[in-house]
Amino acid sequence: MAFHYPNGRKYVSKSSEAVQRSIKKSSFGNRGKTLEDDLNDTNEYYVANGIAVVHKKPTPIQIVDVHYPKRSAAVIKEAYFKQASTTDYNGVYKGKHLDFEAKETQNPTSFPLKNFHEHQIQHMKSIDQQGGVAFVIIRFSTTDEIYLMELGHLTKFWNRMNEGGRKSITKTEVESCSKRIPLGFHPRIDYIKVVDSILG
């Protein structure tokens, strides 16, 4: 049976030898990739292998000006976001709705809360109230460390900021209340293993 990624591309399994060669190169070969790239690759792997169905949400836009320089081509000149986006990713795993935001920072010692918006926090709270699993994946890009923080902890830091406290989460705080996701090769960011520990 052939598996296809959501974009239609055929999934081709690598031989174990090729995988071993790639693992040796992965620490260098993935340095240019963003957190989003790695998560998209991971989600494609999950779908192709029947593990979970998770996709990046498209951001709805309103196109207001299109030019047609050729009959067969259109160029969008002006467009606007139709509404504030909620979170980056959602999907289903073991019958549970997953909803999460993915953020990265160049700051090696803290994670700025300005990376989140009030409507995103409220959206994740709504998911949680309905029995879904809401969380954030945080990447410290200078050290390539990735953590999964459950909504309850994020909310605590968000409330602290709104009450006049610090506007960031220290790296020590992230480490103490989050689960680190070890980087692998295939999949690159195996966050589902951490979700398993949340679900119990």
N, C-alpha and C. Protein backbone atom coordinates (compact mmCIF):
# COMPACT_ATOMS: atom_id res chain seq x y z
N MET A 1 0.85 -1.19 0.00
CA MET A 1 0.00 0.00 0.00
C MET A 1 0.88 1.24 0.00
N ALA A 2 0.56 2.19 -0.85
CA ALA A 2 1.35 3.42 -0.92
C ALA A 2 0.73 4.48 -0.02
N PHE A 3 1.60 5.17 0.73
CA PHE A 3 1.15 6.27 1.57
C PHE A 3 1.52 7.58 0.88
N HIS A 4 0.65 8.57 1.05
CA HIS A 4 0.92 9.88 0.48
C HIS A 4 0.79 10.93 1.56
N TYR A 5 1.66 11.94 1.50
CA TYR A 5 1.57 13.06 2.42
C TYR A 5 0.35 13.89 2.05
N PRO A 6 -0.09 14.79 2.97
CA PRO A 6 -1.25 15.63 2.66
C PRO A 6 -1.07 16.47 1.39
N ASN A 7 0.18 16.77 1.02
CA ASN A 7 0.41 17.57 -0.19
C ASN A 7 0.44 16.71 -1.44
N GLY A 8 0.17 15.40 -1.30
CA GLY A 8 0.13 14.51 -2.46
C GLY A 8 1.42 13.78 -2.74
N ARG A 9 2.52 14.22 -2.09
CA ARG A 9 3.81 13.59 -2.32
C ARG A 9 3.81 12.18 -1.75
N LYS A 10 4.40 11.25 -2.47
CA LYS A 10 4.43 9.86 -2.02
C LYS A 10 5.44 9.68 -0.90
N TYR A 11 5.04 8.93 0.15
CA TYR A 11 5.96 8.63 1.25
C TYR A 11 6.84 7.47 0.84
N VAL A 12 8.15 7.66 0.93
CA VAL A 12 9.10 6.60 0.60
C VAL A 12 9.91 6.28 1.84
N SER A 13 9.82 5.03 2.28
CA SER A 13 10.56 4.61 3.47
C SER A 13 12.03 4.47 3.14
N LYS A 14 12.89 4.97 4.04
CA LYS A 14 14.32 4.86 3.82
C LYS A 14 14.82 3.53 4.37
N SER A 15 15.84 2.97 3.72
CA SER A 15 16.44 1.74 4.23
C SER A 15 17.15 2.04 5.55
N SER A 16 17.36 1.02 6.38
CA SER A 16 17.99 1.25 7.68
C SER A 16 19.40 1.82 7.52
N GLU A 17 20.10 1.40 6.46
CA GLU A 17 21.45 1.94 6.22
C GLU A 17 21.38 3.43 5.94
N ALA A 18 20.44 3.82 5.10
CA ALA A 18 20.29 5.24 4.76
C ALA A 18 19.91 6.04 5.99
N VAL A 19 19.05 5.46 6.84
CA VAL A 19 18.64 6.14 8.06
C VAL A 19 19.84 6.36 8.97
N GLN A 20 20.68 5.34 9.14
CA GLN A 20 21.86 5.46 9.99
C GLN A 20 22.81 6.53 9.48
N ARG A 21 23.00 6.57 8.15
CA ARG A 21 23.88 7.60 7.56
C ARG A 21 23.30 8.99 7.81
N SER A 22 21.97 9.09 7.68
CA SER A 22 21.32 10.39 7.85
C SER A 22 21.36 10.86 9.29
N ILE A 23 21.26 9.90 10.25
CA ILE A 23 21.30 10.29 11.66
C ILE A 23 22.62 10.96 11.98
N LYS A 24 23.72 10.45 11.41
CA LYS A 24 25.04 11.04 11.66
C LYS A 24 25.11 12.46 11.15
N LYS A 25 24.39 12.71 10.05
CA LYS A 25 24.43 14.05 9.44
C LYS A 25 23.37 14.98 10.01
N SER A 26 22.38 14.42 10.74
CA SER A 26 21.21 15.22 11.10
C SER A 26 21.53 16.43 11.96
N SER A 27 22.53 16.33 12.83
CA SER A 27 22.83 17.46 13.70
C SER A 27 23.31 18.66 12.90
N PHE A 28 23.87 18.41 11.72
CA PHE A 28 24.31 19.53 10.88
C PHE A 28 23.27 19.84 9.80
N GLY A 29 22.68 18.81 9.23
CA GLY A 29 21.77 19.01 8.11
C GLY A 29 20.49 19.71 8.47
N ASN A 30 20.08 19.67 9.74
CA ASN A 30 18.81 20.27 10.13
C ASN A 30 18.97 21.66 10.73
N ARG A 31 20.20 22.16 10.76
CA ARG A 31 20.41 23.45 11.43
C ARG A 31 19.67 24.61 10.79
N GLY A 32 19.44 24.54 9.47
CA GLY A 32 18.76 25.64 8.79
C GLY A 32 17.25 25.53 8.88
N LYS A 33 16.74 24.44 9.40
CA LYS A 33 15.30 24.23 9.45
C LYS A 33 14.67 24.97 10.63
N THR A 34 13.47 25.46 10.39
CA THR A 34 12.75 26.13 11.47
C THR A 34 11.96 25.09 12.26
N LEU A 35 11.44 25.51 13.40
CA LEU A 35 10.59 24.64 14.20
C LEU A 35 9.38 24.20 13.38
N GLU A 36 8.82 25.13 12.63
CA GLU A 36 7.65 24.80 11.81
C GLU A 36 7.98 23.73 10.77
N ASP A 37 9.13 23.84 10.11
CA ASP A 37 9.56 22.84 9.12
C ASP A 37 9.64 21.46 9.76
N ASP A 38 10.31 21.41 10.92
CA ASP A 38 10.49 20.13 11.61
C ASP A 38 9.16 19.54 12.06
N LEU A 39 8.26 20.38 12.56
CA LEU A 39 6.95 19.89 12.99
C LEU A 39 6.11 19.42 11.81
N ASN A 40 6.19 20.13 10.69
CA ASN A 40 5.45 19.71 9.50
C ASN A 40 5.95 18.35 9.02
N ASP A 41 7.26 18.15 9.02
CA ASP A 41 7.83 16.85 8.63
C ASP A 41 7.37 15.76 9.60
N THR A 42 7.39 16.08 10.90
CA THR A 42 6.96 15.12 11.92
C THR A 42 5.49 14.74 11.71
N ASN A 43 4.65 15.74 11.46
CA ASN A 43 3.22 15.47 11.27
C ASN A 43 2.97 14.64 10.02
N GLU A 44 3.75 14.88 8.96
CA GLU A 44 3.63 14.05 7.76
C GLU A 44 3.97 12.60 8.07
N TYR A 45 4.99 12.41 8.89
CA TYR A 45 5.39 11.06 9.31
C TYR A 45 4.25 10.40 10.10
N TYR A 46 3.65 11.15 11.04
CA TYR A 46 2.56 10.61 11.84
C TYR A 46 1.39 10.17 10.96
N VAL A 47 1.01 11.00 10.00
CA VAL A 47 -0.12 10.69 9.12
C VAL A 47 0.22 9.46 8.26
N ALA A 48 1.41 9.46 7.68
CA ALA A 48 1.81 8.37 6.78
C ALA A 48 1.87 7.03 7.50
N ASN A 49 2.16 7.05 8.79
CA ASN A 49 2.30 5.82 9.55
C ASN A 49 1.08 5.52 10.44
N GLY A 50 0.01 6.26 10.24
CA GLY A 50 -1.22 5.99 10.97
C GLY A 50 -1.14 6.24 12.46
N ILE A 51 -0.24 7.14 12.88
CA ILE A 51 -0.04 7.41 14.31
C ILE A 51 -1.01 8.49 14.80
N ALA A 52 -1.10 9.58 14.08
CA ALA A 52 -1.98 10.70 14.43
C ALA A 52 -2.26 11.49 13.17
N VAL A 53 -3.31 12.29 13.22
CA VAL A 53 -3.63 13.18 12.10
C VAL A 53 -3.57 14.61 12.63
N VAL A 54 -2.47 15.29 12.34
CA VAL A 54 -2.27 16.66 12.81
C VAL A 54 -1.77 17.50 11.63
N HIS A 55 -2.36 18.66 11.46
CA HIS A 55 -1.96 19.54 10.35
C HIS A 55 -1.80 20.98 10.84
N LYS A 56 -1.01 21.72 10.11
CA LYS A 56 -0.89 23.16 10.37
C LYS A 56 -2.14 23.82 9.82
N LYS A 57 -2.71 24.72 10.61
CA LYS A 57 -3.91 25.41 10.17
C LYS A 57 -3.57 26.48 9.14
N PRO A 58 -4.28 26.53 8.05
CA PRO A 58 -4.07 27.65 7.12
C PRO A 58 -4.63 28.93 7.71
N THR A 59 -3.94 30.03 7.48
CA THR A 59 -4.42 31.32 7.97
C THR A 59 -5.36 31.91 6.93
N PRO A 60 -6.63 32.15 7.28
CA PRO A 60 -7.58 32.68 6.29
C PRO A 60 -7.22 34.11 5.88
N ILE A 61 -7.21 34.35 4.58
CA ILE A 61 -6.91 35.69 4.08
C ILE A 61 -8.01 36.16 3.12
N GLN A 62 -8.13 37.47 3.02
CA GLN A 62 -9.08 38.09 2.09
C GLN A 62 -8.27 38.76 1.00
N ILE A 63 -8.40 38.27 -0.22
CA ILE A 63 -7.68 38.86 -1.36
C ILE A 63 -8.48 40.05 -1.88
N VAL A 64 -7.79 41.18 -2.03
CA VAL A 64 -8.51 42.39 -2.47
C VAL A 64 -8.00 42.94 -3.80
N ASP A 65 -6.80 42.52 -4.21
CA ASP A 65 -6.26 43.05 -5.47
C ASP A 65 -5.42 41.99 -6.17
N VAL A 66 -5.86 41.62 -7.38
CA VAL A 66 -5.15 40.60 -8.16
C VAL A 66 -4.84 41.18 -9.54
N HIS A 67 -3.60 40.99 -9.98
CA HIS A 67 -3.21 41.41 -11.33
C HIS A 67 -3.01 40.17 -12.19
N TYR A 68 -3.34 40.30 -13.46
CA TYR A 68 -3.19 39.19 -14.39
C TYR A 68 -2.23 39.60 -15.51
N PRO A 69 -0.91 39.51 -15.25
CA PRO A 69 0.05 39.89 -16.29
C PRO A 69 -0.02 38.98 -17.51
N LYS A 70 -0.41 37.72 -17.30
CA LYS A 70 -0.60 36.77 -18.40
C LYS A 70 -1.95 36.09 -18.18
N ARG A 71 -2.50 35.54 -19.23
CA ARG A 71 -3.79 34.87 -19.10
C ARG A 71 -3.71 33.67 -18.16
N SER A 72 -2.53 33.03 -18.14
CA SER A 72 -2.40 31.81 -17.34
C SER A 72 -1.83 32.06 -15.95
N ALA A 73 -1.56 33.31 -15.61
CA ALA A 73 -0.93 33.59 -14.31
C ALA A 73 -1.64 34.74 -13.61
N ALA A 74 -1.75 34.61 -12.29
CA ALA A 74 -2.33 35.67 -11.48
C ALA A 74 -1.35 36.04 -10.38
N VAL A 75 -1.24 37.34 -10.10
CA VAL A 75 -0.35 37.82 -9.04
C VAL A 75 -1.18 38.56 -8.00
N ILE A 76 -1.14 38.07 -6.77
CA ILE A 76 -1.87 38.75 -5.69
C ILE A 76 -1.06 39.96 -5.25
N LYS A 77 -1.64 41.14 -5.35
CA LYS A 77 -0.96 42.38 -5.00
C LYS A 77 -1.30 42.86 -3.59
N GLU A 78 -2.49 42.51 -3.11
CA GLU A 78 -2.91 42.99 -1.80
C GLU A 78 -3.87 41.99 -1.17
N ALA A 79 -3.60 41.67 0.10
CA ALA A 79 -4.46 40.74 0.83
C ALA A 79 -4.37 41.05 2.32
N TYR A 80 -5.40 40.66 3.04
CA TYR A 80 -5.46 40.92 4.48
C TYR A 80 -5.86 39.65 5.22
N PHE A 81 -5.40 39.53 6.46
CA PHE A 81 -5.86 38.43 7.29
C PHE A 81 -7.32 38.68 7.63
N LYS A 82 -8.17 37.68 7.41
CA LYS A 82 -9.60 37.83 7.64
C LYS A 82 -9.93 37.88 9.13
N GLN A 83 -9.14 37.15 9.93
CA GLN A 83 -9.41 37.12 11.36
C GLN A 83 -8.12 36.76 12.09
N ALA A 84 -8.09 37.01 13.37
CA ALA A 84 -6.91 36.66 14.16
C ALA A 84 -6.79 35.14 14.19
N SER A 85 -5.59 34.65 13.99
CA SER A 85 -5.39 33.20 13.99
C SER A 85 -5.49 32.67 15.42
N THR A 86 -5.85 31.41 15.54
CA THR A 86 -5.94 30.81 16.88
C THR A 86 -4.60 30.18 17.22
N THR A 87 -4.45 28.90 16.95
CA THR A 87 -3.17 28.23 17.20
C THR A 87 -2.64 27.67 15.89
N ASP A 88 -1.38 27.23 15.92
CA ASP A 88 -0.72 26.78 14.69
C ASP A 88 -1.22 25.42 14.20
N TYR A 89 -1.43 24.50 15.12
CA TYR A 89 -1.71 23.11 14.73
C TYR A 89 -2.91 22.55 15.46
N ASN A 90 -3.63 21.66 14.78
CA ASN A 90 -4.66 20.88 15.46
C ASN A 90 -4.83 19.55 14.75
N GLY A 91 -5.44 18.60 15.48
CA GLY A 91 -5.64 17.28 14.90
C GLY A 91 -6.20 16.32 15.92
N VAL A 92 -6.08 15.02 15.62
CA VAL A 92 -6.65 13.98 16.47
C VAL A 92 -5.61 12.91 16.75
N TYR A 93 -5.57 12.49 18.01
CA TYR A 93 -4.69 11.39 18.42
C TYR A 93 -5.40 10.56 19.48
N LYS A 94 -5.56 9.28 19.21
CA LYS A 94 -6.25 8.35 20.14
C LYS A 94 -7.61 8.90 20.58
N GLY A 95 -8.33 9.49 19.63
CA GLY A 95 -9.66 10.01 19.93
C GLY A 95 -9.68 11.34 20.65
N LYS A 96 -8.52 11.91 20.91
CA LYS A 96 -8.43 13.20 21.59
C LYS A 96 -8.08 14.31 20.60
N HIS A 97 -8.75 15.44 20.77
CA HIS A 97 -8.42 16.60 19.94
C HIS A 97 -7.14 17.24 20.48
N LEU A 98 -6.16 17.44 19.60
CA LEU A 98 -4.92 18.12 19.97
C LEU A 98 -4.95 19.52 19.38
N ASP A 99 -4.49 20.49 20.14
CA ASP A 99 -4.45 21.87 19.66
C ASP A 99 -3.23 22.53 20.29
N PHE A 100 -2.31 23.01 19.47
CA PHE A 100 -1.11 23.59 20.06
C PHE A 100 -0.50 24.69 19.21
N GLU A 101 0.27 25.49 19.89
CA GLU A 101 1.02 26.59 19.29
C GLU A 101 2.49 26.22 19.33
N ALA A 102 3.24 26.61 18.31
CA ALA A 102 4.67 26.33 18.26
C ALA A 102 5.42 27.65 18.14
N LYS A 103 6.36 27.87 19.06
CA LYS A 103 7.11 29.14 19.09
C LYS A 103 8.59 28.86 19.30
N GLU A 104 9.42 29.72 18.73
CA GLU A 104 10.86 29.60 19.01
C GLU A 104 11.44 30.96 19.33
N THR A 105 12.56 30.94 20.06
CA THR A 105 13.21 32.19 20.46
C THR A 105 14.72 32.06 20.31
N GLN A 106 15.36 33.18 20.00
CA GLN A 106 16.82 33.23 19.93
C GLN A 106 17.41 33.52 21.32
N ASN A 107 16.54 33.92 22.26
CA ASN A 107 17.01 34.26 23.60
C ASN A 107 17.41 32.97 24.33
N PRO A 108 18.66 32.85 24.78
CA PRO A 108 19.09 31.60 25.40
C PRO A 108 18.66 31.41 26.85
N THR A 109 18.19 32.49 27.50
CA THR A 109 17.89 32.39 28.94
C THR A 109 16.42 32.54 29.31
N SER A 110 15.59 33.01 28.39
CA SER A 110 14.17 33.16 28.71
C SER A 110 13.32 33.13 27.45
N PHE A 111 12.03 32.91 27.66
CA PHE A 111 11.09 32.87 26.55
C PHE A 111 10.09 34.02 26.68
N PRO A 112 10.10 34.99 25.75
CA PRO A 112 9.22 36.16 25.86
C PRO A 112 7.75 35.79 25.66
N LEU A 113 6.90 36.25 26.57
CA LEU A 113 5.47 35.97 26.46
C LEU A 113 4.78 36.79 25.38
N LYS A 114 5.48 37.80 24.85
CA LYS A 114 4.89 38.59 23.76
C LYS A 114 4.69 37.73 22.51
N ASN A 115 5.30 36.55 22.49
CA ASN A 115 5.11 35.63 21.37
C ASN A 115 3.70 35.06 21.32
N PHE A 116 2.94 35.21 22.42
CA PHE A 116 1.56 34.73 22.46
C PHE A 116 0.61 35.92 22.47
N HIS A 117 -0.65 35.64 22.11
CA HIS A 117 -1.69 36.66 22.12
C HIS A 117 -2.85 36.18 22.99
N GLU A 118 -3.57 37.13 23.54
CA GLU A 118 -4.68 36.80 24.44
C GLU A 118 -5.68 35.84 23.80
N HIS A 119 -6.01 36.07 22.52
CA HIS A 119 -7.02 35.22 21.88
C HIS A 119 -6.51 33.78 21.73
N GLN A 120 -5.19 33.60 21.63
CA GLN A 120 -4.65 32.24 21.54
C GLN A 120 -4.78 31.52 22.88
N ILE A 121 -4.50 32.24 23.96
CA ILE A 121 -4.63 31.66 25.29
C ILE A 121 -6.10 31.27 25.55
N GLN A 122 -7.01 32.17 25.19
CA GLN A 122 -8.44 31.89 25.40
C GLN A 122 -8.91 30.72 24.55
N HIS A 123 -8.39 30.64 23.33
CA HIS A 123 -8.75 29.51 22.45
C HIS A 123 -8.30 28.19 23.07
N MET A 124 -7.06 28.15 23.56
CA MET A 124 -6.55 26.91 24.16
C MET A 124 -7.33 26.55 25.43
N LYS A 125 -7.75 27.56 26.19
CA LYS A 125 -8.58 27.29 27.38
C LYS A 125 -9.91 26.65 26.97
N SER A 126 -10.48 27.13 25.86
CA SER A 126 -11.74 26.57 25.37
C SER A 126 -11.55 25.10 24.96
N ILE A 127 -10.44 24.81 24.32
CA ILE A 127 -10.13 23.42 23.93
C ILE A 127 -10.04 22.55 25.17
N ASP A 128 -9.32 23.05 26.17
CA ASP A 128 -9.14 22.31 27.42
C ASP A 128 -10.48 22.05 28.12
N GLN A 129 -11.35 23.05 28.12
CA GLN A 129 -12.66 22.91 28.77
C GLN A 129 -13.54 21.87 28.09
N GLN A 130 -13.29 21.65 26.79
CA GLN A 130 -14.06 20.66 26.04
C GLN A 130 -13.42 19.27 26.08
N GLY A 131 -12.36 19.11 26.86
CA GLY A 131 -11.73 17.80 26.99
C GLY A 131 -10.61 17.54 26.01
N GLY A 132 -10.24 18.55 25.23
CA GLY A 132 -9.12 18.40 24.31
C GLY A 132 -7.79 18.59 25.03
N VAL A 133 -6.71 18.40 24.30
CA VAL A 133 -5.36 18.54 24.87
C VAL A 133 -4.70 19.76 24.22
N ALA A 134 -4.46 20.80 25.03
CA ALA A 134 -3.87 22.04 24.53
C ALA A 134 -2.50 22.24 25.17
N PHE A 135 -1.53 22.63 24.36
CA PHE A 135 -0.18 22.82 24.86
C PHE A 135 0.60 23.71 23.91
N VAL A 136 1.84 24.03 24.30
CA VAL A 136 2.73 24.78 23.43
C VAL A 136 4.04 24.02 23.29
N ILE A 137 4.64 24.14 22.13
CA ILE A 137 5.97 23.59 21.90
C ILE A 137 6.91 24.77 21.75
N ILE A 138 7.93 24.81 22.60
CA ILE A 138 8.87 25.93 22.65
C ILE A 138 10.26 25.46 22.25
N ARG A 139 10.88 26.21 21.36
CA ARG A 139 12.24 25.87 20.94
C ARG A 139 13.20 27.01 21.26
N PHE A 140 14.27 26.70 21.98
CA PHE A 140 15.38 27.64 22.17
C PHE A 140 16.36 27.37 21.03
N SER A 141 16.32 28.25 20.03
CA SER A 141 17.04 27.94 18.78
C SER A 141 18.56 27.98 18.92
N THR A 142 19.09 28.73 19.88
CA THR A 142 20.55 28.79 20.01
C THR A 142 21.13 27.47 20.49
N THR A 143 20.35 26.73 21.28
CA THR A 143 20.82 25.43 21.79
C THR A 143 20.06 24.26 21.19
N ASP A 144 19.05 24.56 20.34
CA ASP A 144 18.23 23.54 19.71
C ASP A 144 17.55 22.63 20.74
N GLU A 145 17.09 23.24 21.84
CA GLU A 145 16.34 22.51 22.86
C GLU A 145 14.86 22.77 22.66
N ILE A 146 14.07 21.70 22.71
CA ILE A 146 12.63 21.81 22.46
C ILE A 146 11.86 21.24 23.65
N TYR A 147 10.86 21.99 24.09
CA TYR A 147 10.06 21.59 25.26
C TYR A 147 8.58 21.64 24.93
N LEU A 148 7.83 20.75 25.57
CA LEU A 148 6.36 20.79 25.50
C LEU A 148 5.86 21.25 26.85
N MET A 149 5.13 22.36 26.85
CA MET A 149 4.57 22.91 28.09
C MET A 149 3.05 22.80 28.02
N GLU A 150 2.46 22.19 29.03
CA GLU A 150 1.01 22.07 29.09
C GLU A 150 0.38 23.43 29.35
N LEU A 151 -0.87 23.56 28.94
CA LEU A 151 -1.59 24.84 29.03
C LEU A 151 -1.63 25.38 30.46
N GLY A 152 -1.83 24.52 31.44
CA GLY A 152 -1.94 24.98 32.83
C GLY A 152 -0.73 25.77 33.28
N HIS A 153 0.45 25.34 32.88
CA HIS A 153 1.68 26.05 33.26
C HIS A 153 1.80 27.37 32.49
N LEU A 154 1.49 27.32 31.18
CA LEU A 154 1.54 28.56 30.39
C LEU A 154 0.59 29.60 30.97
N THR A 155 -0.60 29.17 31.35
CA THR A 155 -1.60 30.08 31.91
C THR A 155 -1.08 30.75 33.18
N LYS A 156 -0.38 29.99 33.99
CA LYS A 156 0.18 30.53 35.25
C LYS A 156 1.15 31.69 34.95
N PHE A 157 2.02 31.49 33.95
CA PHE A 157 2.99 32.54 33.60
C PHE A 157 2.29 33.73 32.92
N TRP A 158 1.26 33.43 32.13
CA TRP A 158 0.48 34.48 31.46
C TRP A 158 -0.22 35.36 32.50
N ASN A 159 -0.81 34.72 33.50
CA ASN A 159 -1.50 35.47 34.56
C ASN A 159 -0.50 36.30 35.37
N ARG A 160 0.67 35.75 35.61
CA ARG A 160 1.70 36.49 36.35
C ARG A 160 2.06 37.78 35.61
N MET A 161 2.21 37.69 34.29
CA MET A 161 2.52 38.88 33.48
C MET A 161 1.38 39.89 33.57
N ASN A 162 0.15 39.41 33.44
CA ASN A 162 -1.01 40.32 33.47
C ASN A 162 -1.20 40.99 34.83
N GLU A 163 -0.62 40.39 35.86
CA GLU A 163 -0.71 40.97 37.20
C GLU A 163 0.49 41.87 37.50
N GLY A 164 1.29 42.17 36.46
CA GLY A 164 2.42 43.08 36.63
C GLY A 164 3.76 42.40 36.82
N GLY A 165 3.78 41.08 36.72
CA GLY A 165 5.03 40.34 36.88
C GLY A 165 5.86 40.33 35.61
N ARG A 166 6.89 39.49 35.59
CA ARG A 166 7.81 39.48 34.45
C ARG A 166 7.10 39.09 33.16
N LYS A 167 7.64 39.62 32.06
CA LYS A 167 7.02 39.43 30.75
C LYS A 167 7.65 38.28 29.97
N SER A 168 8.32 37.41 30.68
CA SER A 168 8.92 36.25 30.03
C SER A 168 8.94 35.08 31.01
N ILE A 169 9.22 33.90 30.47
CA ILE A 169 9.38 32.70 31.28
C ILE A 169 10.87 32.38 31.26
N THR A 170 11.49 32.28 32.42
CA THR A 170 12.92 31.96 32.42
C THR A 170 13.13 30.54 31.89
N LYS A 171 14.31 30.30 31.34
CA LYS A 171 14.60 28.96 30.82
C LYS A 171 14.53 27.93 31.94
N THR A 172 14.96 28.33 33.13
CA THR A 172 14.90 27.42 34.28
C THR A 172 13.45 27.05 34.57
N GLU A 173 12.53 28.03 34.47
CA GLU A 173 11.11 27.75 34.69
C GLU A 173 10.56 26.82 33.61
N VAL A 174 10.97 27.06 32.37
CA VAL A 174 10.53 26.18 31.27
C VAL A 174 10.99 24.75 31.54
N GLU A 175 12.26 24.61 31.93
CA GLU A 175 12.81 23.28 32.19
C GLU A 175 12.09 22.58 33.34
N SER A 176 11.70 23.35 34.37
CA SER A 176 11.12 22.74 35.57
C SER A 176 9.68 22.29 35.38
N CYS A 177 8.93 22.92 34.47
CA CYS A 177 7.51 22.57 34.35
C CYS A 177 7.13 22.03 32.97
N SER A 178 8.12 21.75 32.14
CA SER A 178 7.85 21.23 30.80
C SER A 178 8.56 19.91 30.60
N LYS A 179 8.20 19.23 29.53
CA LYS A 179 8.88 17.99 29.19
C LYS A 179 9.72 18.24 27.95
N ARG A 180 11.00 17.88 28.03
CA ARG A 180 11.88 18.09 26.89
C ARG A 180 11.62 17.02 25.83
N ILE A 181 11.59 17.45 24.58
CA ILE A 181 11.40 16.53 23.46
C ILE A 181 12.77 16.29 22.83
N PRO A 182 13.31 15.09 22.95
CA PRO A 182 14.61 14.83 22.35
C PRO A 182 14.51 14.86 20.82
N LEU A 183 15.51 15.42 20.18
CA LEU A 183 15.52 15.47 18.72
C LEU A 183 15.91 14.11 18.17
N GLY A 184 15.19 13.68 17.16
CA GLY A 184 15.49 12.41 16.51
C GLY A 184 15.68 12.65 15.02
N PHE A 185 15.58 11.56 14.28
CA PHE A 185 15.70 11.72 12.82
C PHE A 185 14.34 11.54 12.15
N HIS A 186 13.68 10.45 12.46
CA HIS A 186 12.43 10.15 11.76
C HIS A 186 11.44 9.57 12.74
N PRO A 187 10.59 10.34 13.40
CA PRO A 187 10.35 11.77 13.17
C PRO A 187 11.34 12.65 13.92
N ARG A 188 11.48 13.86 13.47
CA ARG A 188 12.45 14.80 14.03
C ARG A 188 12.07 15.24 15.45
N ILE A 189 10.79 15.64 15.64
CA ILE A 189 10.31 16.11 16.95
C ILE A 189 9.16 15.22 17.36
N ASP A 190 9.45 14.14 18.07
CA ASP A 190 8.44 13.13 18.39
C ASP A 190 7.62 13.55 19.62
N TYR A 191 6.80 14.58 19.44
CA TYR A 191 6.05 15.14 20.56
C TYR A 191 4.92 14.22 21.02
N ILE A 192 4.50 13.31 20.17
CA ILE A 192 3.41 12.39 20.54
C ILE A 192 3.78 11.55 21.75
N LYS A 193 5.04 11.22 21.91
CA LYS A 193 5.48 10.45 23.10
C LYS A 193 5.22 11.25 24.37
N VAL A 194 5.39 12.56 24.30
CA VAL A 194 5.12 13.41 25.47
C VAL A 194 3.61 13.50 25.70
N VAL A 195 2.84 13.60 24.60
CA VAL A 195 1.37 13.62 24.72
C VAL A 195 0.89 12.35 25.40
N ASP A 196 1.50 11.22 25.08
CA ASP A 196 1.16 9.95 25.74
C ASP A 196 1.29 10.05 27.25
N SER A 197 2.36 10.72 27.71
CA SER A 197 2.56 10.85 29.16
C SER A 197 1.53 11.77 29.78
N ILE A 198 1.00 12.74 29.00
CA ILE A 198 -0.07 13.63 29.48
C ILE A 198 -1.37 12.85 29.61
N LEU A 199 -1.66 12.03 28.60
CA LEU A 199 -2.90 11.27 28.58
C LEU A 199 -2.90 10.15 29.62
N GLY A 200 -1.67 9.74 30.00
CA GLY A 200 -1.55 8.67 31.00
C GLY A 200 -1.84 7.34 30.37
